[in-house]
Amino acid sequence: MDKRRIAGLATATVAAPLVMLGLTGTANAAEITPIAEVVDGTVADLSSTIGAVVDALGFEA
């Protein structure tokens, strides 16, 4: 799977519950958990990538 497809799927995964939250004005844990998991994974991947770049450039984190 290419990065563009993965980004699209991640966006859809986050957007659907957010749209429902916007329409209803309330949310429960079952609706928020998928959003939190996607955000957590995205932040972890970004942090790992930044760490690898910092290491590759020879800087101290």
PDB file of N, CA and C in Angstrom:
ATOM      1  N   MET A   1       0.839  -1.183   0.000  1.00  0.00           N
ATOM      2  CA  MET A   1       0.000   0.000   0.000  1.00  0.00           C
ATOM      3  C   MET A   1       0.883   1.245   0.000  1.00  0.00           C
ATOM      4  N   ASP A   2       0.557   2.197  -0.832  1.00  0.00           N
ATOM      5  CA  ASP A   2       1.379   3.396  -0.884  1.00  0.00           C
ATOM      6  C   ASP A   2       0.979   4.388   0.221  1.00  0.00           C
ATOM      7  N   LYS A   3       1.841   5.353   0.443  1.00  0.00           N
ATOM      8  CA  LYS A   3       1.633   6.314   1.533  1.00  0.00           C
ATOM      9  C   LYS A   3       0.366   7.137   1.344  1.00  0.00           C
ATOM     10  N   ARG A   4       0.044   7.456   0.112  1.00  0.00           N
ATOM     11  CA  ARG A   4      -1.150   8.267  -0.161  1.00  0.00           C
ATOM     12  C   ARG A   4      -2.417   7.505   0.233  1.00  0.00           C
ATOM     13  N   ARG A   5      -2.450   6.217  -0.062  1.00  0.00           N
ATOM     14  CA  ARG A   5      -3.607   5.378   0.297  1.00  0.00           C
ATOM     15  C   ARG A   5      -3.722   5.237   1.814  1.00  0.00           C
ATOM     16  N   ILE A   6      -2.600   5.027   2.482  1.00  0.00           N
ATOM     17  CA  ILE A   6      -2.598   4.906   3.937  1.00  0.00           C
ATOM     18  C   ILE A   6      -3.076   6.205   4.567  1.00  0.00           C
ATOM     19  N   ALA A   7      -2.613   7.330   4.057  1.00  0.00           N
ATOM     20  CA  ALA A   7      -3.039   8.625   4.584  1.00  0.00           C
ATOM     21  C   ALA A   7      -4.535   8.826   4.379  1.00  0.00           C
ATOM     22  N   GLY A   8      -5.061   8.405   3.253  1.00  0.00           N
ATOM     23  CA  GLY A   8      -6.486   8.518   2.987  1.00  0.00           C
ATOM     24  C   GLY A   8      -7.316   7.674   3.935  1.00  0.00           C
ATOM     25  N   LEU A   9      -6.852   6.451   4.183  1.00  0.00           N
ATOM     26  CA  LEU A   9      -7.560   5.576   5.115  1.00  0.00           C
ATOM     27  C   LEU A   9      -7.511   6.130   6.537  1.00  0.00           C
ATOM     28  N   ALA A  10      -6.371   6.652   6.927  1.00  0.00           N
ATOM     29  CA  ALA A  10      -6.249   7.238   8.266  1.00  0.00           C
ATOM     30  C   ALA A  10      -7.160   8.449   8.407  1.00  0.00           C
ATOM     31  N   THR A  11      -7.223   9.257   7.375  1.00  0.00           N
ATOM     32  CA  THR A  11      -8.098  10.435   7.396  1.00  0.00           C
ATOM     33  C   THR A  11      -9.555  10.019   7.513  1.00  0.00           C
ATOM     34  N   ALA A  12      -9.951   9.015   6.754  1.00  0.00           N
ATOM     35  CA  ALA A  12     -11.334   8.534   6.813  1.00  0.00           C
ATOM     36  C   ALA A  12     -11.659   7.946   8.181  1.00  0.00           C
ATOM     37  N   THR A  13     -10.696   7.237   8.765  1.00  0.00           N
ATOM     38  CA  THR A  13     -10.901   6.641  10.078  1.00  0.00           C
ATOM     39  C   THR A  13     -11.121   7.709  11.132  1.00  0.00           C
ATOM     40  N   VAL A  14     -10.412   8.800  11.026  1.00  0.00           N
ATOM     41  CA  VAL A  14     -10.557   9.897  11.987  1.00  0.00           C
ATOM     42  C   VAL A  14     -11.772  10.748  11.662  1.00  0.00           C
ATOM     43  N   ALA A  15     -12.026  10.985  10.390  1.00  0.00           N
ATOM     44  CA  ALA A  15     -13.085  11.918   9.987  1.00  0.00           C
ATOM     45  C   ALA A  15     -14.483  11.396  10.299  1.00  0.00           C
ATOM     46  N   ALA A  16     -14.741  10.121  10.090  1.00  0.00           N
ATOM     47  CA  ALA A  16     -16.093   9.596  10.288  1.00  0.00           C
ATOM     48  C   ALA A  16     -16.612   9.806  11.706  1.00  0.00           C
ATOM     49  N   PRO A  17     -15.869   9.411  12.737  1.00  0.00           N
ATOM     50  CA  PRO A  17     -16.366   9.663  14.097  1.00  0.00           C
ATOM     51  C   PRO A  17     -16.455  11.159  14.419  1.00  0.00           C
ATOM     52  N   LEU A  18     -15.543  11.956  13.874  1.00  0.00           N
ATOM     53  CA  LEU A  18     -15.601  13.397  14.136  1.00  0.00           C
ATOM     54  C   LEU A  18     -16.842  14.026  13.526  1.00  0.00           C
ATOM     55  N   VAL A  19     -17.234  13.558  12.344  1.00  0.00           N
ATOM     56  CA  VAL A  19     -18.455  14.062  11.722  1.00  0.00           C
ATOM     57  C   VAL A  19     -19.659  13.702  12.585  1.00  0.00           C
ATOM     58  N   MET A  20     -19.709  12.472  13.063  1.00  0.00           N
ATOM     59  CA  MET A  20     -20.821  12.068  13.927  1.00  0.00           C
ATOM     60  C   MET A  20     -20.828  12.867  15.225  1.00  0.00           C
ATOM     61  N   LEU A  21     -19.656  13.114  15.776  1.00  0.00           N
ATOM     62  CA  LEU A  21     -19.559  13.929  16.988  1.00  0.00           C
ATOM     63  C   LEU A  21     -20.074  15.334  16.717  1.00  0.00           C
ATOM     64  N   GLY A  22     -19.734  15.879  15.573  1.00  0.00           N
ATOM     65  CA  GLY A  22     -20.199  17.213  15.217  1.00  0.00           C
ATOM     66  C   GLY A  22     -21.697  17.273  15.021  1.00  0.00           C
ATOM     67  N   LEU A  23     -22.272  16.205  14.484  1.00  0.00           N
ATOM     68  CA  LEU A  23     -23.713  16.184  14.234  1.00  0.00           C
ATOM     69  C   LEU A  23     -24.519  15.957  15.507  1.00  0.00           C
ATOM     70  N   THR A  24     -24.028  15.095  16.382  1.00  0.00           N
ATOM     71  CA  THR A  24     -24.788  14.761  17.587  1.00  0.00           C
ATOM     72  C   THR A  24     -24.400  15.607  18.783  1.00  0.00           C
ATOM     73  N   GLY A  25     -23.175  16.092  18.817  1.00  0.00           N
ATOM     74  CA  GLY A  25     -22.715  16.913  19.938  1.00  0.00           C
ATOM     75  C   GLY A  25     -22.259  16.110  21.141  1.00  0.00           C
ATOM     76  N   THR A  26     -22.362  14.800  21.075  1.00  0.00           N
ATOM     77  CA  THR A  26     -21.902  13.956  22.183  1.00  0.00           C
ATOM     78  C   THR A  26     -21.047  12.827  21.626  1.00  0.00           C
ATOM     79  N   ALA A  27     -20.282  12.216  22.486  1.00  0.00           N
ATOM     80  CA  ALA A  27     -19.470  11.073  22.083  1.00  0.00           C
ATOM     81  C   ALA A  27     -19.274  10.168  23.284  1.00  0.00           C
ATOM     82  N   ASN A  28     -19.091   8.895  23.018  1.00  0.00           N
ATOM     83  CA  ASN A  28     -18.762   7.967  24.089  1.00  0.00           C
ATOM     84  C   ASN A  28     -17.401   7.344  23.800  1.00  0.00           C
ATOM     85  N   ALA A  29     -16.928   6.542  24.723  1.00  0.00           N
ATOM     86  CA  ALA A  29     -15.585   5.970  24.591  1.00  0.00           C
ATOM     87  C   ALA A  29     -15.443   5.121  23.328  1.00  0.00           C
ATOM     88  N   ALA A  30     -16.496   4.432  22.938  1.00  0.00           N
ATOM     89  CA  ALA A  30     -16.428   3.580  21.747  1.00  0.00           C
ATOM     90  C   ALA A  30     -16.219   4.412  20.482  1.00  0.00           C
ATOM     91  N   GLU A  31     -16.706   5.641  20.475  1.00  0.00           N
ATOM     92  CA  GLU A  31     -16.533   6.495  19.306  1.00  0.00           C
ATOM     93  C   GLU A  31     -15.177   7.188  19.304  1.00  0.00           C
ATOM     94  N   ILE A  32     -14.661   7.496  20.481  1.00  0.00           N
ATOM     95  CA  ILE A  32     -13.409   8.246  20.592  1.00  0.00           C
ATOM     96  C   ILE A  32     -12.183   7.335  20.516  1.00  0.00           C
ATOM     97  N   THR A  33     -12.306   6.091  20.944  1.00  0.00           N
ATOM     98  CA  THR A  33     -11.165   5.178  20.984  1.00  0.00           C
ATOM     99  C   THR A  33     -10.479   5.021  19.629  1.00  0.00           C
ATOM    100  N   PRO A  34     -11.198   4.813  18.517  1.00  0.00           N
ATOM    101  CA  PRO A  34     -10.493   4.689  17.233  1.00  0.00           C
ATOM    102  C   PRO A  34      -9.709   5.948  16.866  1.00  0.00           C
ATOM    103  N   ILE A  35     -10.254   7.106  17.198  1.00  0.00           N
ATOM    104  CA  ILE A  35      -9.549   8.357  16.920  1.00  0.00           C
ATOM    105  C   ILE A  35      -8.265   8.412  17.727  1.00  0.00           C
ATOM    106  N   ALA A  36      -8.363   8.075  19.010  1.00  0.00           N
ATOM    107  CA  ALA A  36      -7.186   8.098  19.881  1.00  0.00           C
ATOM    108  C   ALA A  36      -6.120   7.118  19.396  1.00  0.00           C
ATOM    109  N   GLU A  37      -6.537   5.953  18.924  1.00  0.00           N
ATOM    110  CA  GLU A  37      -5.574   4.960  18.440  1.00  0.00           C
ATOM    111  C   GLU A  37      -4.849   5.450  17.194  1.00  0.00           C
ATOM    112  N   VAL A  38      -5.574   6.075  16.285  1.00  0.00           N
ATOM    113  CA  VAL A  38      -4.955   6.598  15.062  1.00  0.00           C
ATOM    114  C   VAL A  38      -3.993   7.723  15.398  1.00  0.00           C
ATOM    115  N   VAL A  39      -4.420   8.635  16.266  1.00  0.00           N
ATOM    116  CA  VAL A  39      -3.558   9.759  16.648  1.00  0.00           C
ATOM    117  C   VAL A  39      -2.315   9.234  17.365  1.00  0.00           C
ATOM    118  N   ASP A  40      -2.495   8.261  18.253  1.00  0.00           N
ATOM    119  CA  ASP A  40      -1.361   7.690  18.977  1.00  0.00           C
ATOM    120  C   ASP A  40      -0.362   7.050  18.018  1.00  0.00           C
ATOM    121  N   GLY A  41      -0.859   6.284  17.064  1.00  0.00           N
ATOM    122  CA  GLY A  41       0.022   5.653  16.082  1.00  0.00           C
ATOM    123  C   GLY A  41       0.731   6.670  15.203  1.00  0.00           C
ATOM    124  N   THR A  42       0.009   7.706  14.807  1.00  0.00           N
ATOM    125  CA  THR A  42       0.596   8.746  13.964  1.00  0.00           C
ATOM    126  C   THR A  42       1.687   9.501  14.709  1.00  0.00           C
ATOM    127  N   VAL A  43       1.422   9.849  15.963  1.00  0.00           N
ATOM    128  CA  VAL A  43       2.420  10.558  16.770  1.00  0.00           C
ATOM    129  C   VAL A  43       3.632   9.674  17.010  1.00  0.00           C
ATOM    130  N   ALA A  44       3.422   8.394  17.271  1.00  0.00           N
ATOM    131  CA  ALA A  44       4.545   7.478  17.487  1.00  0.00           C
ATOM    132  C   ALA A  44       5.397   7.351  16.234  1.00  0.00           C
ATOM    133  N   ASP A  45       4.753   7.229  15.078  1.00  0.00           N
ATOM    134  CA  ASP A  45       5.499   7.135  13.816  1.00  0.00           C
ATOM    135  C   ASP A  45       6.280   8.416  13.540  1.00  0.00           C
ATOM    136  N   LEU A  46       5.635   9.557  13.764  1.00  0.00           N
ATOM    137  CA  LEU A  46       6.300  10.844  13.535  1.00  0.00           C
ATOM    138  C   LEU A  46       7.483  11.014  14.479  1.00  0.00           C
ATOM    139  N   SER A  47       7.288  10.664  15.737  1.00  0.00           N
ATOM    140  CA  SER A  47       8.366  10.776  16.722  1.00  0.00           C
ATOM    141  C   SER A  47       9.546   9.883  16.341  1.00  0.00           C
ATOM    142  N   SER A  48       9.245   8.676  15.884  1.00  0.00           N
ATOM    143  CA  SER A  48      10.287   7.743  15.457  1.00  0.00           C
ATOM    144  C   SER A  48      11.038   8.287  14.250  1.00  0.00           C
ATOM    145  N   THR A  49      10.316   8.840  13.301  1.00  0.00           N
ATOM    146  CA  THR A  49      10.938   9.405  12.103  1.00  0.00           C
ATOM    147  C   THR A  49      11.817  10.593  12.448  1.00  0.00           C
ATOM    148  N   ILE A  50      11.323  11.465  13.302  1.00  0.00           N
ATOM    149  CA  ILE A  50      12.118  12.637  13.716  1.00  0.00           C
ATOM    150  C   ILE A  50      13.370  12.180  14.450  1.00  0.00           C
ATOM    151  N   GLY A  51      13.228  11.183  15.318  1.00  0.00           N
ATOM    152  CA  GLY A  51      14.392  10.650  16.027  1.00  0.00           C
ATOM    153  C   GLY A  51      15.426  10.085  15.077  1.00  0.00           C
ATOM    154  N   ALA A  52      14.970   9.375  14.041  1.00  0.00           N
ATOM    155  CA  ALA A  52      15.893   8.802  13.061  1.00  0.00           C
ATOM    156  C   ALA A  52      16.604   9.899  12.275  1.00  0.00           C
ATOM    157  N   VAL A  53      15.890  10.961  11.934  1.00  0.00           N
ATOM    158  CA  VAL A  53      16.496  12.070  11.200  1.00  0.00           C
ATOM    159  C   VAL A  53      17.525  12.767  12.068  1.00  0.00           C
ATOM    160  N   VAL A  54      17.179  13.008  13.338  1.00  0.00           N
ATOM    161  CA  VAL A  54      18.113  13.664  14.263  1.00  0.00           C
ATOM    162  C   VAL A  54      19.376  12.819  14.425  1.00  0.00           C
ATOM    163  N   ASP A  55      19.182  11.506  14.567  1.00  0.00           N
ATOM    164  CA  ASP A  55      20.347  10.612  14.681  1.00  0.00           C
ATOM    165  C   ASP A  55      21.190  10.618  13.406  1.00  0.00           C
ATOM    166  N   ALA A  56      20.513  10.586  12.253  1.00  0.00           N
ATOM    167  CA  ALA A  56      21.232  10.568  10.974  1.00  0.00           C
ATOM    168  C   ALA A  56      22.043  11.853  10.770  1.00  0.00           C
ATOM    169  N   LEU A  57      21.521  12.965  11.285  1.00  0.00           N
ATOM    170  CA  LEU A  57      22.236  14.234  11.146  1.00  0.00           C
ATOM    171  C   LEU A  57      23.329  14.405  12.193  1.00  0.00           C
ATOM    172  N   GLY A  58      23.355  13.498  13.175  1.00  0.00           N
ATOM    173  CA  GLY A  58      24.394  13.544  14.193  1.00  0.00           C
ATOM    174  C   GLY A  58      24.104  14.493  15.347  1.00  0.00           C
ATOM    175  N   PHE A  59      22.870  14.951  15.449  1.00  0.00           N
ATOM    176  CA  PHE A  59      22.496  15.820  16.565  1.00  0.00           C
ATOM    177  C   PHE A  59      22.104  14.981  17.769  1.00  0.00           C
ATOM    178  N   GLU A  60      22.161  15.602  18.944  1.00  0.00           N
ATOM    179  CA  GLU A  60      21.679  14.923  20.133  1.00  0.00           C
ATOM    180  C   GLU A  60      20.233  15.312  20.355  1.00  0.00           C
ATOM    181  N   ALA A  61      19.419  14.341  20.682  1.00  0.00           N
ATOM    182  CA  ALA A  61      18.000  14.615  20.907  1.00  0.00           C
ATOM    183  C   ALA A  61      17.767  15.235  22.264  1.00  0.00           C
TER     184      ALA A  61
END
